[in-house]
Amino acid sequence: MSEAVSFSDVLSAHKRLENHILKTPLLESELLNKLVGKRLLVKAECLQHTGSFKFRGGTSAITNLTPAQRSAGVIAYSSGNHAQGVAYAARRASVNAVIIMPDDAPELKIQNTRAYGAEVVLYDRPGGQCRESIGQQLAAERGLYLIKPYDNKEVIAGQGTCGLEIASQAGAIGISKAEVLVCCGGGGLTSGIAISLEARAPEMIVRPAEPAHYDDVIRSQKSGQREQTTNDQPSICDAIVTPSPGELTFPIIKRLCQPGIVVSDQEALQSMAAALKHLKIVAEPGGAVALAAALFHTQELDTDTVICVVSGGNADPQMIRRALETDSV
């Protein structure tokens, strides 16, 4: 069975996104290089519109809508970053958007999604309400086009444009071989980047990074089938707390990615502080797990050069304060 997304899909998304997205920088700190003992490059997607890579996928999906879908409007569900990405992309395209968000999502993300003009529908995630069921019901009742956060072909293709930039930017400074660490929830960014690097930088190795207790992608890599996360352990990495890798994303990850790395909440907090201190960027906990994998799991890395994606920067002031109070590197 062929995979849902091809490199040509990524290239098509890149053409549609060319005048919409920011080309985010590839940053480097000599002090972090010394601490890690390797060359460490950071793809700062936290500087993308809406503060995360999700704007790429949201815009890719919105710009590929049919006239009938544009007229009807769209719906999405998300803890915050996909919500903001779709909401802002929809507003720029004059498309109505409904976003389903958990009522325990960071308040900053809820406020920003509303500020981008979307109708926000809150649900009780701790109480066990199912966002997928709510989304499907509202989509059917209102005739809305559902843009899933990672199991959507155009979303994955849009995220793959980040991989195109990594290949180009690294190649420009003479780097063709590296381990590329990617913050991973459902796997949209990880699979998209892997597709692009297979074509443009085949010596680069993509590895997912996940928070402790929510390592369903990494467990799935080991078993060869989609594993579920059923525990209710608390995690500050809300952006990438997902129950299972996606139906569309996992076959790509299974074929193209090497074993992932699990990081703790404390390591994510320390990496947030390190990003602010050494790179002058704001990272949220879930957006910092790839950096945490590089900083605290160096023994699991094999190459002399490591590229990690800081995938989101939508952290509440309280979380930033908490991170700065840790023992940073």
C-alpha atoms as a PDB file:
ATOM      1  CA  MET A   1       0.000   0.000   0.000  1.00  0.00           C
ATOM      2  CA  SER A   2       1.456   3.359  -1.006  1.00  0.00           C
ATOM      3  CA  GLU A   3       2.004   6.080   1.560  1.00  0.00           C
ATOM      4  CA  ALA A   4      -0.522   8.901   1.736  1.00  0.00           C
ATOM      5  CA  VAL A   5       1.981  11.706   1.108  1.00  0.00           C
ATOM      6  CA  SER A   6       4.778  11.891  -1.475  1.00  0.00           C
ATOM      7  CA  PHE A   7       7.644  14.307  -2.008  1.00  0.00           C
ATOM      8  CA  SER A   8       5.745  15.809  -4.935  1.00  0.00           C
ATOM      9  CA  ASP A   9       2.950  16.659  -2.476  1.00  0.00           C
ATOM     10  CA  VAL A  10       5.477  18.530  -0.347  1.00  0.00           C
ATOM     11  CA  LEU A  11       6.751  20.434  -3.368  1.00  0.00           C
ATOM     12  CA  SER A  12       3.187  21.388  -4.322  1.00  0.00           C
ATOM     13  CA  ALA A  13       2.558  22.620  -0.780  1.00  0.00           C
ATOM     14  CA  HIS A  14       5.810  24.589  -0.908  1.00  0.00           C
ATOM     15  CA  LYS A  15       4.612  26.468  -4.003  1.00  0.00           C
ATOM     16  CA  ARG A  16       1.292  27.324  -2.338  1.00  0.00           C
ATOM     17  CA  LEU A  17       2.978  28.432   0.902  1.00  0.00           C
ATOM     18  CA  GLU A  18       5.802  30.438  -0.671  1.00  0.00           C
ATOM     19  CA  ASN A  19       4.258  33.847  -0.011  1.00  0.00           C
ATOM     20  CA  HIS A  20       2.606  32.917   3.282  1.00  0.00           C
ATOM     21  CA  ILE A  21       5.150  31.314   5.614  1.00  0.00           C
ATOM     22  CA  LEU A  22       8.365  32.564   7.170  1.00  0.00           C
ATOM     23  CA  LYS A  23      11.648  30.822   6.412  1.00  0.00           C
ATOM     24  CA  THR A  24      12.744  30.261   9.992  1.00  0.00           C
ATOM     25  CA  PRO A  25      16.444  30.416  10.879  1.00  0.00           C
ATOM     26  CA  LEU A  26      18.859  27.627  11.723  1.00  0.00           C
ATOM     27  CA  LEU A  27      20.532  28.826  14.917  1.00  0.00           C
ATOM     28  CA  GLU A  28      23.775  27.820  16.616  1.00  0.00           C
ATOM     29  CA  SER A  29      25.431  28.527  19.959  1.00  0.00           C
ATOM     30  CA  GLU A  30      29.110  27.799  20.563  1.00  0.00           C
ATOM     31  CA  LEU A  31      28.399  27.368  24.275  1.00  0.00           C
ATOM     32  CA  LEU A  32      25.752  24.715  23.608  1.00  0.00           C
ATOM     33  CA  ASN A  33      28.130  22.999  21.187  1.00  0.00           C
ATOM     34  CA  LYS A  34      30.696  22.731  23.968  1.00  0.00           C
ATOM     35  CA  LEU A  35      28.149  21.421  26.438  1.00  0.00           C
ATOM     36  CA  VAL A  36      26.895  18.753  24.038  1.00  0.00           C
ATOM     37  CA  GLY A  37      30.285  17.901  22.579  1.00  0.00           C
ATOM     38  CA  LYS A  38      28.813  18.032  19.084  1.00  0.00           C
ATOM     39  CA  ARG A  39      27.746  20.644  16.580  1.00  0.00           C
ATOM     40  CA  LEU A  40      24.165  21.519  17.492  1.00  0.00           C
ATOM     41  CA  LEU A  41      21.901  23.430  15.124  1.00  0.00           C
ATOM     42  CA  VAL A  42      18.388  24.527  16.076  1.00  0.00           C
ATOM     43  CA  LYS A  43      15.587  25.042  13.543  1.00  0.00           C
ATOM     44  CA  ALA A  44      13.579  27.790  15.260  1.00  0.00           C
ATOM     45  CA  GLU A  45       9.992  27.075  14.213  1.00  0.00           C
ATOM     46  CA  CYS A  46       8.903  28.952  17.320  1.00  0.00           C
ATOM     47  CA  LEU A  47       9.518  32.054  15.174  1.00  0.00           C
ATOM     48  CA  GLN A  48       6.985  30.949  12.548  1.00  0.00           C
ATOM     49  CA  HIS A  49       3.667  32.815  12.226  1.00  0.00           C
ATOM     50  CA  THR A  50       1.426  31.924  15.241  1.00  0.00           C
ATOM     51  CA  GLY A  51       4.513  30.666  17.082  1.00  0.00           C
ATOM     52  CA  SER A  52       4.780  27.153  15.660  1.00  0.00           C
ATOM     53  CA  PHE A  53       5.214  24.961  12.580  1.00  0.00           C
ATOM     54  CA  LYS A  54       1.464  24.308  12.641  1.00  0.00           C
ATOM     55  CA  PHE A  55       0.906  27.407  10.505  1.00  0.00           C
ATOM     56  CA  ARG A  56       2.602  25.559   7.630  1.00  0.00           C
ATOM     57  CA  GLY A  57       0.155  22.667   7.721  1.00  0.00           C
ATOM     58  CA  GLY A  58      -2.853  24.860   8.375  1.00  0.00           C
ATOM     59  CA  THR A  59      -2.037  27.121   5.440  1.00  0.00           C
ATOM     60  CA  SER A  60      -1.332  24.144   3.190  1.00  0.00           C
ATOM     61  CA  ALA A  61      -4.786  22.733   3.942  1.00  0.00           C
ATOM     62  CA  ILE A  62      -6.594  26.079   3.651  1.00  0.00           C
ATOM     63  CA  THR A  63      -4.970  26.992   0.329  1.00  0.00           C
ATOM     64  CA  ASN A  64      -5.956  23.615  -1.117  1.00  0.00           C
ATOM     65  CA  LEU A  65      -9.694  23.939  -0.329  1.00  0.00           C
ATOM     66  CA  THR A  66     -12.272  23.746  -3.100  1.00  0.00           C
ATOM     67  CA  PRO A  67     -14.544  26.793  -3.561  1.00  0.00           C
ATOM     68  CA  ALA A  68     -17.399  24.872  -1.896  1.00  0.00           C
ATOM     69  CA  GLN A  69     -15.230  23.988   1.116  1.00  0.00           C
ATOM     70  CA  ARG A  70     -14.048  27.588   1.458  1.00  0.00           C
ATOM     71  CA  SER A  71     -17.617  28.810   1.432  1.00  0.00           C
ATOM     72  CA  ALA A  72     -18.762  26.283   4.039  1.00  0.00           C
ATOM     73  CA  GLY A  73     -15.851  26.900   6.416  1.00  0.00           C
ATOM     74  CA  VAL A  74     -13.467  24.624   8.304  1.00  0.00           C
ATOM     75  CA  ILE A  75     -13.233  22.933  11.680  1.00  0.00           C
ATOM     76  CA  ALA A  76     -10.206  21.665  13.597  1.00  0.00           C
ATOM     77  CA  TYR A  77      -9.411  20.246  17.011  1.00  0.00           C
ATOM     78  CA  SER A  78      -6.244  21.032  18.918  1.00  0.00           C
ATOM     79  CA  SER A  79      -4.741  21.832  22.307  1.00  0.00           C
ATOM     80  CA  GLY A  80      -3.509  25.089  20.845  1.00  0.00           C
ATOM     81  CA  ASN A  81      -0.859  25.258  18.136  1.00  0.00           C
ATOM     82  CA  HIS A  82      -2.826  23.616  15.321  1.00  0.00           C
ATOM     83  CA  ALA A  83      -5.782  25.688  16.548  1.00  0.00           C
ATOM     84  CA  GLN A  84      -3.874  28.933  16.089  1.00  0.00           C
ATOM     85  CA  GLY A  85      -2.309  27.853  12.798  1.00  0.00           C
ATOM     86  CA  VAL A  86      -5.659  26.975  11.211  1.00  0.00           C
ATOM     87  CA  ALA A  87      -7.415  29.997  12.728  1.00  0.00           C
ATOM     88  CA  TYR A  88      -4.859  32.472  11.367  1.00  0.00           C
ATOM     89  CA  ALA A  89      -4.593  30.760   7.975  1.00  0.00           C
ATOM     90  CA  ALA A  90      -8.393  30.788   7.715  1.00  0.00           C
ATOM     91  CA  ARG A  91      -8.619  34.474   8.625  1.00  0.00           C
ATOM     92  CA  ARG A  92      -6.027  35.405   6.012  1.00  0.00           C
ATOM     93  CA  ALA A  93      -8.058  33.480   3.423  1.00  0.00           C
ATOM     94  CA  SER A  94     -11.433  34.882   4.613  1.00  0.00           C
ATOM     95  CA  VAL A  95     -12.635  31.411   5.584  1.00  0.00           C
ATOM     96  CA  ASN A  96     -14.758  30.840   8.698  1.00  0.00           C
ATOM     97  CA  ALA A  97     -13.160  28.528  11.267  1.00  0.00           C
ATOM     98  CA  VAL A  98     -14.459  26.594  14.259  1.00  0.00           C
ATOM     99  CA  ILE A  99     -11.812  25.243  16.638  1.00  0.00           C
ATOM    100  CA  ILE A 100     -12.410  22.604  19.329  1.00  0.00           C
ATOM    101  CA  MET A 101     -10.011  23.013  22.261  1.00  0.00           C
ATOM    102  CA  PRO A 102      -9.660  21.324  25.672  1.00  0.00           C
ATOM    103  CA  ASP A 103     -10.752  23.543  28.544  1.00  0.00           C
ATOM    104  CA  ASP A 104      -7.434  22.832  30.297  1.00  0.00           C
ATOM    105  CA  ALA A 105      -5.347  24.129  27.377  1.00  0.00           C
ATOM    106  CA  PRO A 106      -2.987  27.015  28.182  1.00  0.00           C
ATOM    107  CA  GLU A 107      -5.086  30.174  28.394  1.00  0.00           C
ATOM    108  CA  LEU A 108      -2.698  31.992  26.057  1.00  0.00           C
ATOM    109  CA  LYS A 109      -3.460  29.504  23.280  1.00  0.00           C
ATOM    110  CA  ILE A 110      -7.226  29.787  23.770  1.00  0.00           C
ATOM    111  CA  GLN A 111      -7.074  33.589  23.789  1.00  0.00           C
ATOM    112  CA  ASN A 112      -4.883  33.719  20.674  1.00  0.00           C
ATOM    113  CA  THR A 113      -7.151  31.349  18.751  1.00  0.00           C
ATOM    114  CA  ARG A 114     -10.147  33.573  19.486  1.00  0.00           C
ATOM    115  CA  ALA A 115      -8.111  36.665  18.607  1.00  0.00           C
ATOM    116  CA  TYR A 116      -7.414  35.182  15.163  1.00  0.00           C
ATOM    117  CA  GLY A 117     -11.179  35.216  14.593  1.00  0.00           C
ATOM    118  CA  ALA A 118     -12.102  31.572  15.141  1.00  0.00           C
ATOM    119  CA  GLU A 119     -15.117  30.323  17.061  1.00  0.00           C
ATOM    120  CA  VAL A 120     -13.696  28.290  19.967  1.00  0.00           C
ATOM    121  CA  VAL A 121     -15.653  25.318  21.329  1.00  0.00           C
ATOM    122  CA  LEU A 122     -14.231  24.011  24.627  1.00  0.00           C
ATOM    123  CA  TYR A 123     -14.496  20.395  25.772  1.00  0.00           C
ATOM    124  CA  ASP A 124     -13.698  18.552  29.006  1.00  0.00           C
ATOM    125  CA  ARG A 125     -10.501  16.625  28.250  1.00  0.00           C
ATOM    126  CA  PRO A 126      -9.811  15.586  31.882  1.00  0.00           C
ATOM    127  CA  GLY A 127     -13.410  14.398  32.124  1.00  0.00           C
ATOM    128  CA  GLY A 128     -13.005  12.105  29.140  1.00  0.00           C
ATOM    129  CA  GLN A 129     -14.850  13.963  26.388  1.00  0.00           C
ATOM    130  CA  CYS A 130     -13.642  12.973  22.914  1.00  0.00           C
ATOM    131  CA  ARG A 131     -12.560  15.784  20.611  1.00  0.00           C
ATOM    132  CA  GLU A 132     -12.761  13.547  17.537  1.00  0.00           C
ATOM    133  CA  SER A 133     -16.413  12.747  18.202  1.00  0.00           C
ATOM    134  CA  ILE A 134     -17.251  16.399  18.837  1.00  0.00           C
ATOM    135  CA  GLY A 135     -15.417  17.431  15.669  1.00  0.00           C
ATOM    136  CA  GLN A 136     -17.141  14.875  13.488  1.00  0.00           C
ATOM    137  CA  GLN A 137     -20.553  15.811  14.902  1.00  0.00           C
ATOM    138  CA  LEU A 138     -20.083  19.557  14.372  1.00  0.00           C
ATOM    139  CA  ALA A 139     -18.601  19.014  10.914  1.00  0.00           C
ATOM    140  CA  ALA A 140     -21.646  16.972   9.889  1.00  0.00           C
ATOM    141  CA  GLU A 141     -24.155  19.390  11.457  1.00  0.00           C
ATOM    142  CA  ARG A 142     -22.649  22.517   9.902  1.00  0.00           C
ATOM    143  CA  GLY A 143     -21.153  21.105   6.707  1.00  0.00           C
ATOM    144  CA  LEU A 144     -17.616  22.093   7.732  1.00  0.00           C
ATOM    145  CA  TYR A 145     -14.399  20.666   6.275  1.00  0.00           C
ATOM    146  CA  LEU A 146     -12.414  18.927   9.030  1.00  0.00           C
ATOM    147  CA  ILE A 147      -8.671  19.687   9.119  1.00  0.00           C
ATOM    148  CA  LYS A 148      -7.129  17.095  11.428  1.00  0.00           C
ATOM    149  CA  PRO A 149      -3.941  18.135  13.248  1.00  0.00           C
ATOM    150  CA  TYR A 150      -1.726  15.483  11.666  1.00  0.00           C
ATOM    151  CA  ASP A 151      -3.800  12.863   9.827  1.00  0.00           C
ATOM    152  CA  ASN A 152      -4.438  15.092   6.837  1.00  0.00           C
ATOM    153  CA  LYS A 153      -2.479  14.772   3.602  1.00  0.00           C
ATOM    154  CA  GLU A 154      -2.127  18.499   2.987  1.00  0.00           C
ATOM    155  CA  VAL A 155      -1.179  19.186   6.601  1.00  0.00           C
ATOM    156  CA  ILE A 156       1.645  16.637   6.447  1.00  0.00           C
ATOM    157  CA  ALA A 157       2.814  18.067   3.117  1.00  0.00           C
ATOM    158  CA  GLY A 158       2.830  21.563   4.605  1.00  0.00           C
ATOM    159  CA  GLN A 159       4.913  20.431   7.571  1.00  0.00           C
ATOM    160  CA  GLY A 160       7.304  18.859   5.100  1.00  0.00           C
ATOM    161  CA  THR A 161       8.296  22.325   3.885  1.00  0.00           C
ATOM    162  CA  CYS A 162      10.227  22.664   7.145  1.00  0.00           C
ATOM    163  CA  GLY A 163      12.360  19.742   5.994  1.00  0.00           C
ATOM    164  CA  LEU A 164      13.040  21.449   2.671  1.00  0.00           C
ATOM    165  CA  GLU A 165      14.399  24.445   4.562  1.00  0.00           C
ATOM    166  CA  ILE A 166      16.544  22.292   6.844  1.00  0.00           C
ATOM    167  CA  ALA A 167      18.128  20.562   3.868  1.00  0.00           C
ATOM    168  CA  SER A 168      18.789  23.870   2.095  1.00  0.00           C
ATOM    169  CA  GLN A 169      20.084  25.762   5.134  1.00  0.00           C
ATOM    170  CA  ALA A 170      22.316  22.923   6.336  1.00  0.00           C
ATOM    171  CA  GLY A 171      23.627  22.343   2.833  1.00  0.00           C
ATOM    172  CA  ALA A 172      24.537  26.018   2.550  1.00  0.00           C
ATOM    173  CA  ILE A 173      26.972  25.629   5.467  1.00  0.00           C
ATOM    174  CA  GLY A 174      28.374  22.340   4.212  1.00  0.00           C
ATOM    175  CA  ILE A 175      26.329  19.906   6.318  1.00  0.00           C
ATOM    176  CA  SER A 176      24.862  16.876   4.569  1.00  0.00           C
ATOM    177  CA  LYS A 177      24.972  14.328   7.392  1.00  0.00           C
ATOM    178  CA  ALA A 178      23.251  14.775  10.763  1.00  0.00           C
ATOM    179  CA  GLU A 179      20.713  13.355  13.152  1.00  0.00           C
ATOM    180  CA  VAL A 180      17.538  15.460  12.957  1.00  0.00           C
ATOM    181  CA  LEU A 181      15.529  15.406  16.179  1.00  0.00           C
ATOM    182  CA  VAL A 182      11.866  16.360  15.860  1.00  0.00           C
ATOM    183  CA  CYS A 183       9.287  17.003  18.593  1.00  0.00           C
ATOM    184  CA  CYS A 184       6.628  14.387  17.961  1.00  0.00           C
ATOM    185  CA  GLY A 185       2.978  14.056  18.890  1.00  0.00           C
ATOM    186  CA  GLY A 186       0.847  12.493  16.160  1.00  0.00           C
ATOM    187  CA  GLY A 187       3.774  12.606  13.745  1.00  0.00           C
ATOM    188  CA  GLY A 188       2.777  15.211  11.153  1.00  0.00           C
ATOM    189  CA  LEU A 189       5.981  17.238  11.431  1.00  0.00           C
ATOM    190  CA  THR A 190       8.188  14.172  11.855  1.00  0.00           C
ATOM    191  CA  SER A 191       6.792  12.382   8.809  1.00  0.00           C
ATOM    192  CA  GLY A 192       6.751  15.532   6.677  1.00  0.00           C
ATOM    193  CA  ILE A 193      10.385  16.344   7.455  1.00  0.00           C
ATOM    194  CA  ALA A 194      11.385  12.714   6.843  1.00  0.00           C
ATOM    195  CA  ILE A 195       9.819  12.761   3.370  1.00  0.00           C
ATOM    196  CA  SER A 196      11.694  15.940   2.445  1.00  0.00           C
ATOM    197  CA  LEU A 197      15.047  14.827   3.801  1.00  0.00           C
ATOM    198  CA  GLU A 198      14.817  11.459   2.068  1.00  0.00           C
ATOM    199  CA  ALA A 199      14.731  13.381  -1.208  1.00  0.00           C
ATOM    200  CA  ARG A 200      16.956  16.366  -0.467  1.00  0.00           C
ATOM    201  CA  ALA A 201      19.387  15.180   2.253  1.00  0.00           C
ATOM    202  CA  PRO A 202      19.363  11.370   2.314  1.00  0.00           C
ATOM    203  CA  GLU A 203      22.293  11.124   4.744  1.00  0.00           C
ATOM    204  CA  MET A 204      20.291  12.893   7.446  1.00  0.00           C
ATOM    205  CA  ILE A 205      18.623  10.625  10.008  1.00  0.00           C
ATOM    206  CA  VAL A 206      15.239  11.688  11.422  1.00  0.00           C
ATOM    207  CA  ARG A 207      14.434  10.695  15.007  1.00  0.00           C
ATOM    208  CA  PRO A 208      11.274  11.596  16.952  1.00  0.00           C
ATOM    209  CA  ALA A 209      11.453  13.027  20.478  1.00  0.00           C
ATOM    210  CA  GLU A 210       8.559  12.490  22.874  1.00  0.00           C
ATOM    211  CA  PRO A 211       7.701  13.281  26.515  1.00  0.00           C
ATOM    212  CA  ALA A 212       7.782  10.592  29.181  1.00  0.00           C
ATOM    213  CA  HIS A 213       4.512   8.643  29.561  1.00  0.00           C
ATOM    214  CA  TYR A 214       3.453   9.716  26.039  1.00  0.00           C
ATOM    215  CA  ASP A 215       5.991   7.837  23.931  1.00  0.00           C
ATOM    216  CA  ASP A 216       3.404   6.077  21.760  1.00  0.00           C
ATOM    217  CA  VAL A 217       5.326   6.776  18.542  1.00  0.00           C
ATOM    218  CA  ILE A 218       8.562   5.349  19.932  1.00  0.00           C
ATOM    219  CA  ARG A 219       6.767   2.263  21.269  1.00  0.00           C
ATOM    220  CA  SER A 220       5.104   1.891  17.881  1.00  0.00           C
ATOM    221  CA  GLN A 221       8.498   2.011  16.189  1.00  0.00           C
ATOM    222  CA  LYS A 222       9.603  -0.906  18.363  1.00  0.00           C
ATOM    223  CA  SER A 223       6.501  -3.042  17.866  1.00  0.00           C
ATOM    224  CA  GLY A 224       5.901  -2.192  14.211  1.00  0.00           C
ATOM    225  CA  GLN A 225       2.257  -1.289  14.789  1.00  0.00           C
ATOM    226  CA  ARG A 226       0.362   1.722  16.139  1.00  0.00           C
ATOM    227  CA  GLU A 227       0.462   1.606  19.937  1.00  0.00           C
ATOM    228  CA  GLN A 228      -1.932   3.462  22.216  1.00  0.00           C
ATOM    229  CA  THR A 229      -1.265   5.630  25.262  1.00  0.00           C
ATOM    230  CA  THR A 230      -4.012   5.108  27.809  1.00  0.00           C
ATOM    231  CA  ASN A 231      -2.465   6.507  30.987  1.00  0.00           C
ATOM    232  CA  ASP A 232      -3.531   9.799  32.526  1.00  0.00           C
ATOM    233  CA  GLN A 233      -0.119  10.873  33.805  1.00  0.00           C
ATOM    234  CA  PRO A 234       0.226  14.657  33.911  1.00  0.00           C
ATOM    235  CA  SER A 235       2.586  16.297  31.429  1.00  0.00           C
ATOM    236  CA  ILE A 236       3.498  19.903  30.794  1.00  0.00           C
ATOM    237  CA  CYS A 237       4.089  19.030  27.116  1.00  0.00           C
ATOM    238  CA  ASP A 238       0.426  19.595  26.161  1.00  0.00           C
ATOM    239  CA  ALA A 239       1.200  20.292  22.509  1.00  0.00           C
ATOM    240  CA  ILE A 240       2.398  16.732  21.833  1.00  0.00           C
ATOM    241  CA  VAL A 241       0.325  14.628  24.227  1.00  0.00           C
ATOM    242  CA  THR A 242      -1.450  12.336  21.760  1.00  0.00           C
ATOM    243  CA  PRO A 243      -3.001   8.883  22.210  1.00  0.00           C
ATOM    244  CA  SER A 244      -1.383   7.247  19.179  1.00  0.00           C
ATOM    245  CA  PRO A 245       0.616   8.010  16.027  1.00  0.00           C
ATOM    246  CA  GLY A 246      -1.544   8.894  13.061  1.00  0.00           C
ATOM    247  CA  GLU A 247      -2.889   6.410  10.540  1.00  0.00           C
ATOM    248  CA  LEU A 248      -1.272   8.419   7.742  1.00  0.00           C
ATOM    249  CA  THR A 249       1.896   9.429   9.577  1.00  0.00           C
ATOM    250  CA  PHE A 250       2.983   6.139  11.127  1.00  0.00           C
ATOM    251  CA  PRO A 251       3.724   4.218   7.892  1.00  0.00           C
ATOM    252  CA  ILE A 252       6.045   7.061   6.893  1.00  0.00           C
ATOM    253  CA  ILE A 253       7.727   7.169  10.301  1.00  0.00           C
ATOM    254  CA  LYS A 254       8.051   3.388  10.336  1.00  0.00           C
ATOM    255  CA  ARG A 255       9.867   3.390   6.985  1.00  0.00           C
ATOM    256  CA  LEU A 256      12.003   6.508   7.275  1.00  0.00           C
ATOM    257  CA  CYS A 257      12.761   7.260  10.928  1.00  0.00           C
ATOM    258  CA  GLN A 258      15.299   5.822  13.332  1.00  0.00           C
ATOM    259  CA  PRO A 259      14.481   5.065  17.015  1.00  0.00           C
ATOM    260  CA  GLY A 260      13.178   7.998  19.003  1.00  0.00           C
ATOM    261  CA  ILE A 261      14.217   9.490  22.341  1.00  0.00           C
ATOM    262  CA  VAL A 262      12.071  10.010  25.450  1.00  0.00           C
ATOM    263  CA  VAL A 263      12.617  13.073  27.654  1.00  0.00           C
ATOM    264  CA  SER A 264      11.279  14.101  31.049  1.00  0.00           C
ATOM    265  CA  ASP A 265       9.270  17.208  31.905  1.00  0.00           C
ATOM    266  CA  GLN A 266      12.222  18.481  33.912  1.00  0.00           C
ATOM    267  CA  GLU A 267      14.527  18.105  30.903  1.00  0.00           C
ATOM    268  CA  ALA A 268      12.000  19.990  28.767  1.00  0.00           C
ATOM    269  CA  LEU A 269      11.910  22.824  31.314  1.00  0.00           C
ATOM    270  CA  GLN A 270      15.694  23.033  31.431  1.00  0.00           C
ATOM    271  CA  SER A 271      15.817  23.095  27.645  1.00  0.00           C
ATOM    272  CA  MET A 272      13.324  25.970  27.573  1.00  0.00           C
ATOM    273  CA  ALA A 273      15.698  27.908  29.810  1.00  0.00           C
ATOM    274  CA  ALA A 274      18.693  26.951  27.669  1.00  0.00           C
ATOM    275  CA  ALA A 275      16.910  28.104  24.506  1.00  0.00           C
ATOM    276  CA  LEU A 276      16.193  31.473  26.054  1.00  0.00           C
ATOM    277  CA  LYS A 277      19.652  31.848  27.576  1.00  0.00           C
ATOM    278  CA  HIS A 278      21.811  30.688  24.666  1.00  0.00           C
ATOM    279  CA  LEU A 279      19.648  31.152  21.562  1.00  0.00           C
ATOM    280  CA  LYS A 280      17.401  34.049  22.682  1.00  0.00           C
ATOM    281  CA  ILE A 281      14.219  32.220  21.665  1.00  0.00           C
ATOM    282  CA  VAL A 282      11.097  31.256  23.627  1.00  0.00           C
ATOM    283  CA  ALA A 283      10.136  27.579  23.537  1.00  0.00           C
ATOM    284  CA  GLU A 284       7.096  25.914  25.095  1.00  0.00           C
ATOM    285  CA  PRO A 285       7.609  22.553  26.856  1.00  0.00           C
ATOM    286  CA  GLY A 286       6.358  20.342  24.017  1.00  0.00           C
ATOM    287  CA  GLY A 287       8.298  22.437  21.526  1.00  0.00           C
ATOM    288  CA  ALA A 288      11.532  21.935  23.460  1.00  0.00           C
ATOM    289  CA  VAL A 289      11.646  18.128  23.711  1.00  0.00           C
ATOM    290  CA  ALA A 290      13.880  17.709  20.645  1.00  0.00           C
ATOM    291  CA  LEU A 291      16.356  20.168  22.147  1.00  0.00           C
ATOM    292  CA  ALA A 292      16.081  18.262  25.433  1.00  0.00           C
ATOM    293  CA  ALA A 293      16.940  15.041  23.608  1.00  0.00           C
ATOM    294  CA  ALA A 294      20.089  16.686  22.245  1.00  0.00           C
ATOM    295  CA  LEU A 295      21.135  18.263  25.545  1.00  0.00           C
ATOM    296  CA  PHE A 296      20.412  15.398  27.947  1.00  0.00           C
ATOM    297  CA  HIS A 297      20.627  12.233  25.836  1.00  0.00           C
ATOM    298  CA  THR A 298      23.854  12.853  23.972  1.00  0.00           C
ATOM    299  CA  GLN A 299      24.952   9.260  24.615  1.00  0.00           C
ATOM    300  CA  GLU A 300      22.111   8.073  22.383  1.00  0.00           C
ATOM    301  CA  LEU A 301      23.328  10.159  19.419  1.00  0.00           C
ATOM    302  CA  ASP A 302      25.778   8.808  16.859  1.00  0.00           C
ATOM    303  CA  THR A 303      26.625  11.703  14.522  1.00  0.00           C
ATOM    304  CA  ASP A 304      28.951  14.658  15.027  1.00  0.00           C
ATOM    305  CA  THR A 305      26.207  17.086  13.994  1.00  0.00           C
ATOM    306  CA  VAL A 306      22.709  17.241  15.461  1.00  0.00           C
ATOM    307  CA  ILE A 307      19.823  19.352  14.166  1.00  0.00           C
ATOM    308  CA  CYS A 308      16.809  19.768  16.412  1.00  0.00           C
ATOM    309  CA  VAL A 309      13.524  21.499  15.730  1.00  0.00           C
ATOM    310  CA  VAL A 310      12.151  23.823  18.392  1.00  0.00           C
ATOM    311  CA  SER A 311       8.643  23.427  17.115  1.00  0.00           C
ATOM    312  CA  GLY A 312       6.595  25.853  19.213  1.00  0.00           C
ATOM    313  CA  GLY A 313       6.985  28.921  21.402  1.00  0.00           C
ATOM    314  CA  ASN A 314       3.503  29.479  22.815  1.00  0.00           C
ATOM    315  CA  ALA A 315       4.355  29.270  26.502  1.00  0.00           C
ATOM    316  CA  ASP A 316       2.413  31.033  29.224  1.00  0.00           C
ATOM    317  CA  PRO A 317       4.447  33.544  31.300  1.00  0.00           C
ATOM    318  CA  GLN A 318       4.045  31.259  34.319  1.00  0.00           C
ATOM    319  CA  MET A 319       5.632  28.349  32.432  1.00  0.00           C
ATOM    320  CA  ILE A 320       8.510  30.521  31.250  1.00  0.00           C
ATOM    321  CA  ARG A 321       9.075  31.640  34.830  1.00  0.00           C
ATOM    322  CA  ARG A 322       9.008  28.032  35.992  1.00  0.00           C
ATOM    323  CA  ALA A 323      11.575  27.090  33.361  1.00  0.00           C
ATOM    324  CA  LEU A 324      13.911  29.932  34.314  1.00  0.00           C
ATOM    325  CA  GLU A 325      13.793  28.772  37.926  1.00  0.00           C
ATOM    326  CA  THR A 326      15.238  25.358  36.984  1.00  0.00           C
ATOM    327  CA  ASP A 327      18.927  24.573  36.909  1.00  0.00           C
ATOM    328  CA  SER A 328      19.499  25.406  33.264  1.00  0.00           C
ATOM    329  CA  VAL A 329      22.450  24.275  31.186  1.00  0.00           C
END
